[in-house]
C-alpha atoms as a PDB file:
ATOM      1  CA  MET A   1      33.816-102.000 -27.593  1.00  0.00           C
ATOM      2  CA  ASP A   2      36.999-101.806 -25.501  1.00  0.00           C
ATOM      3  CA  ASN A   3      38.859-104.951 -24.215  1.00  0.00           C
ATOM      4  CA  GLU A   4      36.842-106.378 -21.357  1.00  0.00           C
ATOM      5  CA  ASN A   5      39.773-106.409 -19.049  1.00  0.00           C
ATOM      6  CA  LYS A   6      40.701-102.919 -19.698  1.00  0.00           C
ATOM      7  CA  VAL A   7      37.174-101.770 -18.889  1.00  0.00           C
ATOM      8  CA  ARG A   8      37.167-103.693 -15.633  1.00  0.00           C
ATOM      9  CA  ASP A   9      40.307-102.049 -14.662  1.00  0.00           C
ATOM     10  CA  ASP A  10      39.079 -98.646 -15.610  1.00  0.00           C
ATOM     11  CA  ILE A  11      36.015 -99.027 -13.478  1.00  0.00           C
ATOM     12  CA  VAL A  12      38.229-100.087 -10.461  1.00  0.00           C
ATOM     13  CA  ARG A  13      40.603 -97.146 -11.036  1.00  0.00           C
ATOM     14  CA  LEU A  14      37.946 -94.574 -11.683  1.00  0.00           C
ATOM     15  CA  SER A  15      35.613 -95.812  -8.930  1.00  0.00           C
ATOM     16  CA  ARG A  16      38.442 -95.574  -6.501  1.00  0.00           C
ATOM     17  CA  SER A  17      39.189 -92.108  -7.482  1.00  0.00           C
ATOM     18  CA  LEU A  18      35.512 -91.071  -6.990  1.00  0.00           C
ATOM     19  CA  PHE A  19      35.514 -92.679  -3.590  1.00  0.00           C
ATOM     20  CA  GLU A  20      38.817 -91.214  -2.416  1.00  0.00           C
ATOM     21  CA  ARG A  21      37.550 -87.547  -3.312  1.00  0.00           C
ATOM     22  CA  GLY A  22      34.292 -88.144  -1.526  1.00  0.00           C
ATOM     23  CA  PHE A  23      31.806 -88.455  -4.571  1.00  0.00           C
ATOM     24  CA  SER A  24      30.563 -91.668  -2.863  1.00  0.00           C
ATOM     25  CA  VAL A  25      30.787 -93.065   0.849  1.00  0.00           C
ATOM     26  CA  GLY A  26      30.230 -96.635   2.164  1.00  0.00           C
ATOM     27  CA  SER A  27      28.697 -98.811  -0.371  1.00  0.00           C
ATOM     28  CA  ALA A  28      26.855 -95.913  -1.909  1.00  0.00           C
ATOM     29  CA  GLY A  29      26.780 -95.627  -5.690  1.00  0.00           C
ATOM     30  CA  ASN A  30      27.133 -98.078  -8.777  1.00  0.00           C
ATOM     31  CA  ILE A  31      28.702 -97.941 -12.113  1.00  0.00           C
ATOM     32  CA  SER A  32      28.318 -99.868 -15.279  1.00  0.00           C
ATOM     33  CA  ALA A  33      29.871-100.012 -18.582  1.00  0.00           C
ATOM     34  CA  ALA A  34      28.930-101.737 -21.952  1.00  0.00           C
ATOM     35  CA  VAL A  35      31.274-104.364 -23.407  1.00  0.00           C
ATOM     36  CA  GLU A  36      30.924-106.403 -26.684  1.00  0.00           C
ATOM     37  CA  ASP A  37      28.854-109.101 -25.153  1.00  0.00           C
ATOM     38  CA  GLY A  38      27.111-107.610 -22.144  1.00  0.00           C
ATOM     39  CA  ILE A  39      27.495-105.037 -19.304  1.00  0.00           C
ATOM     40  CA  LEU A  40      29.929-104.970 -16.606  1.00  0.00           C
ATOM     41  CA  MET A  41      28.434-103.624 -13.290  1.00  0.00           C
ATOM     42  CA  THR A  42      29.763-102.879  -9.806  1.00  0.00           C
ATOM     43  CA  PRO A  43      28.342-105.496  -7.346  1.00  0.00           C
ATOM     44  CA  THR A  44      25.555-104.834  -4.750  1.00  0.00           C
ATOM     45  CA  ASN A  45      26.859-103.624  -1.473  1.00  0.00           C
ATOM     46  CA  SER A  46      30.288-103.063  -2.785  1.00  0.00           C
ATOM     47  CA  CYS A  47      32.311 -99.947  -1.974  1.00  0.00           C
ATOM     48  CA  LEU A  48      33.725 -98.046  -4.897  1.00  0.00           C
ATOM     49  CA  GLY A  49      36.867 -97.399  -3.153  1.00  0.00           C
ATOM     50  CA  PHE A  50      37.686-101.172  -2.889  1.00  0.00           C
ATOM     51  CA  LEU A  51      36.660-103.109  -6.008  1.00  0.00           C
ATOM     52  CA  ASP A  52      38.092-106.205  -7.362  1.00  0.00           C
ATOM     53  CA  PRO A  53      38.107-106.360 -11.115  1.00  0.00           C
ATOM     54  CA  ALA A  54      37.520-110.054 -11.231  1.00  0.00           C
ATOM     55  CA  ARG A  55      34.556-109.883  -9.117  1.00  0.00           C
ATOM     56  CA  ILE A  56      32.828-107.174 -11.088  1.00  0.00           C
ATOM     57  CA  SER A  57      29.397-108.515 -12.186  1.00  0.00           C
ATOM     58  CA  LYS A  58      28.628-109.216 -15.826  1.00  0.00           C
ATOM     59  CA  ILE A  59      25.217-109.296 -17.098  1.00  0.00           C
ATOM     60  CA  SER A  60      23.676-110.018 -20.623  1.00  0.00           C
ATOM     61  CA  THR A  61      22.202-107.300 -22.737  1.00  0.00           C
ATOM     62  CA  ASP A  62      18.723-108.856 -21.563  1.00  0.00           C
ATOM     63  CA  GLY A  63      19.555-108.615 -17.924  1.00  0.00           C
ATOM     64  CA  ARG A  64      20.725-112.079 -16.911  1.00  0.00           C
ATOM     65  CA  HIS A  65      23.543-112.290 -14.509  1.00  0.00           C
ATOM     66  CA  LEU A  66      26.317-114.193 -16.315  1.00  0.00           C
ATOM     67  CA  SER A  67      29.354-114.073 -13.861  1.00  0.00           C
ATOM     68  CA  GLY A  68      31.094-112.360 -10.952  1.00  0.00           C
ATOM     69  CA  ASP A  69      29.244-111.113  -7.624  1.00  0.00           C
ATOM     70  CA  LYS A  70      25.709-110.295  -7.767  1.00  0.00           C
ATOM     71  CA  PRO A  71      24.977-106.885  -9.469  1.00  0.00           C
ATOM     72  CA  SER A  72      23.864-103.684  -7.845  1.00  0.00           C
ATOM     73  CA  LYS A  73      20.091-103.672  -6.944  1.00  0.00           C
ATOM     74  CA  GLU A  74      20.075-100.569  -9.306  1.00  0.00           C
ATOM     75  CA  ILE A  75      20.427-102.746 -12.294  1.00  0.00           C
ATOM     76  CA  PHE A  76      16.970-101.697 -13.776  1.00  0.00           C
ATOM     77  CA  LEU A  77      17.886 -98.153 -13.880  1.00  0.00           C
ATOM     78  CA  HIS A  78      21.294 -98.879 -15.829  1.00  0.00           C
ATOM     79  CA  LYS A  79      19.618-101.110 -18.272  1.00  0.00           C
ATOM     80  CA  ALA A  80      16.757 -98.554 -19.038  1.00  0.00           C
ATOM     81  CA  PHE A  81      19.479 -96.182 -20.136  1.00  0.00           C
ATOM     82  CA  TYR A  82      21.259 -98.724 -22.390  1.00  0.00           C
ATOM     83  CA  ASP A  83      17.927 -99.814 -23.811  1.00  0.00           C
ATOM     84  CA  THR A  84      16.814 -96.437 -24.764  1.00  0.00           C
ATOM     85  CA  ARG A  85      19.963 -94.215 -25.327  1.00  0.00           C
ATOM     86  CA  LYS A  86      22.155 -95.652 -28.123  1.00  0.00           C
ATOM     87  CA  GLN A  87      24.833 -93.291 -27.101  1.00  0.00           C
ATOM     88  CA  ALA A  88      25.261 -94.862 -23.685  1.00  0.00           C
ATOM     89  CA  GLY A  89      28.364 -96.814 -23.229  1.00  0.00           C
ATOM     90  CA  ALA A  90      28.523 -96.371 -19.372  1.00  0.00           C
ATOM     91  CA  VAL A  91      26.286 -95.211 -16.607  1.00  0.00           C
ATOM     92  CA  VAL A  92      27.393 -93.666 -13.392  1.00  0.00           C
ATOM     93  CA  HIS A  93      25.016 -93.147 -10.352  1.00  0.00           C
ATOM     94  CA  LEU A  94      26.389 -91.516  -7.318  1.00  0.00           C
ATOM     95  CA  HIS A  95      25.017 -89.973  -4.048  1.00  0.00           C
ATOM     96  CA  SER A  96      27.445 -86.997  -4.433  1.00  0.00           C
ATOM     97  CA  THR A  97      26.654 -84.359  -1.883  1.00  0.00           C
ATOM     98  CA  PHE A  98      25.657 -81.169  -3.881  1.00  0.00           C
ATOM     99  CA  ALA A  99      23.880 -82.970  -6.760  1.00  0.00           C
ATOM    100  CA  THR A 100      21.872 -84.883  -4.245  1.00  0.00           C
ATOM    101  CA  ALA A 101      21.206 -81.753  -2.414  1.00  0.00           C
ATOM    102  CA  LEU A 102      19.684 -80.275  -5.531  1.00  0.00           C
ATOM    103  CA  SER A 103      17.422 -83.546  -5.787  1.00  0.00           C
ATOM    104  CA  CYS A 104      15.983 -82.557  -2.433  1.00  0.00           C
ATOM    105  CA  MET A 105      15.146 -79.146  -3.131  1.00  0.00           C
ATOM    106  CA  THR A 106      11.514 -78.093  -3.849  1.00  0.00           C
ATOM    107  CA  ASP A 107      12.200 -75.059  -6.189  1.00  0.00           C
ATOM    108  CA  VAL A 108      14.174 -76.595  -8.933  1.00  0.00           C
ATOM    109  CA  ASP A 109      12.814 -76.825 -12.265  1.00  0.00           C
ATOM    110  CA  PRO A 110      11.923 -80.500 -12.848  1.00  0.00           C
ATOM    111  CA  ASP A 111      12.614 -80.233 -16.676  1.00  0.00           C
ATOM    112  CA  ASP A 112      15.961 -78.483 -16.316  1.00  0.00           C
ATOM    113  CA  CYS A 113      17.147 -78.873 -12.579  1.00  0.00           C
ATOM    114  CA  VAL A 114      20.699 -77.997 -13.421  1.00  0.00           C
ATOM    115  CA  PRO A 115      20.551 -74.536 -15.263  1.00  0.00           C
ATOM    116  CA  PRO A 116      23.382 -73.435 -17.528  1.00  0.00           C
ATOM    117  CA  LEU A 117      25.710 -71.937 -15.173  1.00  0.00           C
ATOM    118  CA  THR A 118      28.945 -72.772 -17.037  1.00  0.00           C
ATOM    119  CA  PRO A 119      29.804 -73.756 -20.509  1.00  0.00           C
ATOM    120  CA  TYR A 120      31.060 -76.966 -19.342  1.00  0.00           C
ATOM    121  CA  VAL A 121      27.836 -78.276 -17.779  1.00  0.00           C
ATOM    122  CA  VAL A 122      26.136 -77.571 -21.163  1.00  0.00           C
ATOM    123  CA  MET A 123      29.031 -79.355 -23.074  1.00  0.00           C
ATOM    124  CA  ARG A 124      29.451 -82.414 -20.765  1.00  0.00           C
ATOM    125  CA  VAL A 125      26.100 -83.166 -19.231  1.00  0.00           C
ATOM    126  CA  GLY A 126      23.352 -81.249 -21.003  1.00  0.00           C
ATOM    127  CA  GLN A 127      19.790 -80.846 -19.768  1.00  0.00           C
ATOM    128  CA  VAL A 128      19.175 -82.573 -16.625  1.00  0.00           C
ATOM    129  CA  LYS A 129      15.656 -84.082 -15.759  1.00  0.00           C
ATOM    130  CA  LEU A 130      14.394 -84.489 -12.130  1.00  0.00           C
ATOM    131  CA  VAL A 131      13.013 -88.099 -11.949  1.00  0.00           C
ATOM    132  CA  PRO A 132      10.195 -88.620  -9.272  1.00  0.00           C
ATOM    133  CA  TYR A 133      11.211 -90.627  -6.235  1.00  0.00           C
ATOM    134  CA  VAL A 134      10.980 -94.287  -5.814  1.00  0.00           C
ATOM    135  CA  ALA A 135      12.745 -96.554  -3.358  1.00  0.00           C
ATOM    136  CA  PRO A 136      16.408 -97.599  -4.243  1.00  0.00           C
ATOM    137  CA  GLY A 137      16.333-100.886  -6.330  1.00  0.00           C
ATOM    138  CA  ASP A 138      12.639-100.315  -7.204  1.00  0.00           C
ATOM    139  CA  PRO A 139      12.272-101.596 -10.709  1.00  0.00           C
ATOM    140  CA  ARG A 140       9.810 -98.743 -11.388  1.00  0.00           C
ATOM    141  CA  ALA A 141      13.094 -96.624 -11.737  1.00  0.00           C
ATOM    142  CA  GLY A 142      13.657 -98.360 -15.006  1.00  0.00           C
ATOM    143  CA  ASP A 143      10.142 -97.573 -16.201  1.00  0.00           C
ATOM    144  CA  LEU A 144      10.518 -93.829 -15.292  1.00  0.00           C
ATOM    145  CA  ILE A 145      13.886 -93.754 -17.223  1.00  0.00           C
ATOM    146  CA  ARG A 146      12.317 -95.583 -20.188  1.00  0.00           C
ATOM    147  CA  ALA A 147       9.535 -93.068 -20.356  1.00  0.00           C
ATOM    148  CA  LEU A 148      12.274 -90.437 -21.084  1.00  0.00           C
ATOM    149  CA  GLU A 149      12.948 -92.206 -24.463  1.00  0.00           C
ATOM    150  CA  GLY A 150      16.669 -91.494 -24.476  1.00  0.00           C
ATOM    151  CA  ARG A 151      16.232 -87.743 -24.536  1.00  0.00           C
ATOM    152  CA  TYR A 152      18.532 -86.910 -21.361  1.00  0.00           C
ATOM    153  CA  ALA A 153      22.122 -88.023 -20.845  1.00  0.00           C
ATOM    154  CA  ALA A 154      21.788 -87.136 -17.148  1.00  0.00           C
ATOM    155  CA  VAL A 155      19.018 -87.077 -14.536  1.00  0.00           C
ATOM    156  CA  LEU A 156      18.512 -86.420 -10.779  1.00  0.00           C
ATOM    157  CA  LEU A 157      16.571 -89.051  -8.981  1.00  0.00           C
ATOM    158  CA  ALA A 158      14.435 -87.066  -6.435  1.00  0.00           C
ATOM    159  CA  ASN A 159      15.798 -87.199  -2.818  1.00  0.00           C
ATOM    160  CA  HIS A 160      18.452 -89.794  -4.182  1.00  0.00           C
ATOM    161  CA  GLY A 161      21.097 -88.505  -6.223  1.00  0.00           C
ATOM    162  CA  PRO A 162      22.402 -88.234  -9.988  1.00  0.00           C
ATOM    163  CA  VAL A 163      22.560 -90.619 -12.788  1.00  0.00           C
ATOM    164  CA  VAL A 164      24.921 -89.829 -15.768  1.00  0.00           C
ATOM    165  CA  THR A 165      25.652 -91.482 -18.924  1.00  0.00           C
ATOM    166  CA  GLY A 166      28.449 -91.314 -21.556  1.00  0.00           C
ATOM    167  CA  LYS A 167      29.724 -92.793 -24.567  1.00  0.00           C
ATOM    168  CA  ASP A 168      32.444 -94.670 -22.534  1.00  0.00           C
ATOM    169  CA  ILE A 169      33.289 -95.093 -18.719  1.00  0.00           C
ATOM    170  CA  HIS A 170      35.724 -92.108 -18.867  1.00  0.00           C
ATOM    171  CA  SER A 171      33.294 -89.646 -20.319  1.00  0.00           C
ATOM    172  CA  ALA A 172      30.465 -90.728 -18.027  1.00  0.00           C
ATOM    173  CA  VAL A 173      32.753 -90.240 -14.842  1.00  0.00           C
ATOM    174  CA  TYR A 174      33.995 -86.886 -16.198  1.00  0.00           C
ATOM    175  CA  ALA A 175      30.408 -85.828 -16.753  1.00  0.00           C
ATOM    176  CA  SER A 176      29.392 -86.972 -13.299  1.00  0.00           C
ATOM    177  CA  GLU A 177      32.156 -84.777 -11.874  1.00  0.00           C
ATOM    178  CA  GLU A 178      31.114 -81.802 -13.863  1.00  0.00           C
ATOM    179  CA  LEU A 179      27.611 -82.223 -12.676  1.00  0.00           C
ATOM    180  CA  GLU A 180      28.665 -82.414  -9.137  1.00  0.00           C
ATOM    181  CA  GLU A 181      30.927 -79.272  -9.345  1.00  0.00           C
ATOM    182  CA  THR A 182      28.161 -77.381 -11.060  1.00  0.00           C
ATOM    183  CA  ALA A 183      25.716 -78.470  -8.372  1.00  0.00           C
ATOM    184  CA  LYS A 184      28.185 -77.110  -5.721  1.00  0.00           C
ATOM    185  CA  LEU A 185      28.346 -73.778  -7.482  1.00  0.00           C
ATOM    186  CA  LEU A 186      24.462 -73.548  -7.653  1.00  0.00           C
ATOM    187  CA  VAL A 187      24.178 -74.368  -4.005  1.00  0.00           C
ATOM    188  CA  THR A 188      26.889 -71.893  -3.112  1.00  0.00           C
ATOM    189  CA  LEU A 189      25.203 -69.021  -5.081  1.00  0.00           C
ATOM    190  CA  ARG A 190      21.707 -69.673  -3.865  1.00  0.00           C
ATOM    191  CA  GLY A 191      20.315 -66.168  -2.792  1.00  0.00           C
ATOM    192  CA  ALA A 192      23.058 -64.307  -4.694  1.00  0.00           C
ATOM    193  CA  PRO A 193      22.324 -62.578  -7.792  1.00  0.00           C
ATOM    194  CA  THR A 194      23.613 -64.945 -10.566  1.00  0.00           C
ATOM    195  CA  ARG A 195      24.178 -64.694 -14.196  1.00  0.00           C
ATOM    196  CA  MET A 196      23.210 -67.807 -16.169  1.00  0.00           C
ATOM    197  CA  LEU A 197      24.262 -68.361 -19.689  1.00  0.00           C
ATOM    198  CA  SER A 198      21.732 -67.115 -22.397  1.00  0.00           C
ATOM    199  CA  GLN A 199      19.670 -69.289 -24.600  1.00  0.00           C
ATOM    200  CA  ASP A 200      21.919 -67.981 -27.482  1.00  0.00           C
ATOM    201  CA  ASN A 201      25.015 -69.002 -25.635  1.00  0.00           C
ATOM    202  CA  VAL A 202      23.583 -72.613 -24.916  1.00  0.00           C
ATOM    203  CA  ASN A 203      22.696 -72.940 -28.681  1.00  0.00           C
ATOM    204  CA  GLU A 204      26.182 -71.905 -29.692  1.00  0.00           C
ATOM    205  CA  LEU A 205      27.872 -74.481 -27.339  1.00  0.00           C
ATOM    206  CA  ARG A 206      25.474 -77.288 -28.581  1.00  0.00           C
ATOM    207  CA  ALA A 207      26.276 -76.388 -32.198  1.00  0.00           C
ATOM    208  CA  LEU A 208      30.012 -76.500 -31.473  1.00  0.00           C
ATOM    209  CA  PHE A 209      30.339 -79.335 -29.024  1.00  0.00           C
ATOM    210  CA  GLY A 210      26.873 -81.300 -28.846  1.00  0.00           C
ATOM    211  CA  GLY A 211      25.907 -81.467 -25.242  1.00  0.00           C
ATOM    212  CA  GLY A 212      25.220 -84.459 -23.016  1.00  0.00           C
END
């Protein structure tokens, strides 16, 4: 695991970047990253643009609050990913505009709600599952993620927004950005004849680069 102080600084720096570019507004969104002896998480009701590294929450791997401010109410969501997806070293949950828009649309494929429009969404995000709506902070969100058994690196929470995992904080943030950019393209292209990557294209990318 990375040095904890470095991870705290990375969370602050990357969170500010997301906030300043409109990927989160107000106190929306939450980010976590695994460290050697627990999980660091943005505090509840905090703004991603104005985090203090010393006040970032630290919780144990079994979910106990160890230090810092009280963690985000979405702790159940994050912990479910860490518990079921061994590759997950960080989790990013945003309310970014276009990915959230997709999560509200009734005609998306719930098993593949971000189709392979570009090679980069295949390489960096992978297949995206739509998760049924529950209220923010509801522990049932964790149950819904656990039921996926670690098969997805990213999901869309219905009428809520995206949650993306990565091997570390940088890859999780980059994948979140890629998901939002792809969602923007999909919304922009709605109604226009659109060419998606073929299954052969997708298989080739997964063989070369993995995916999600």
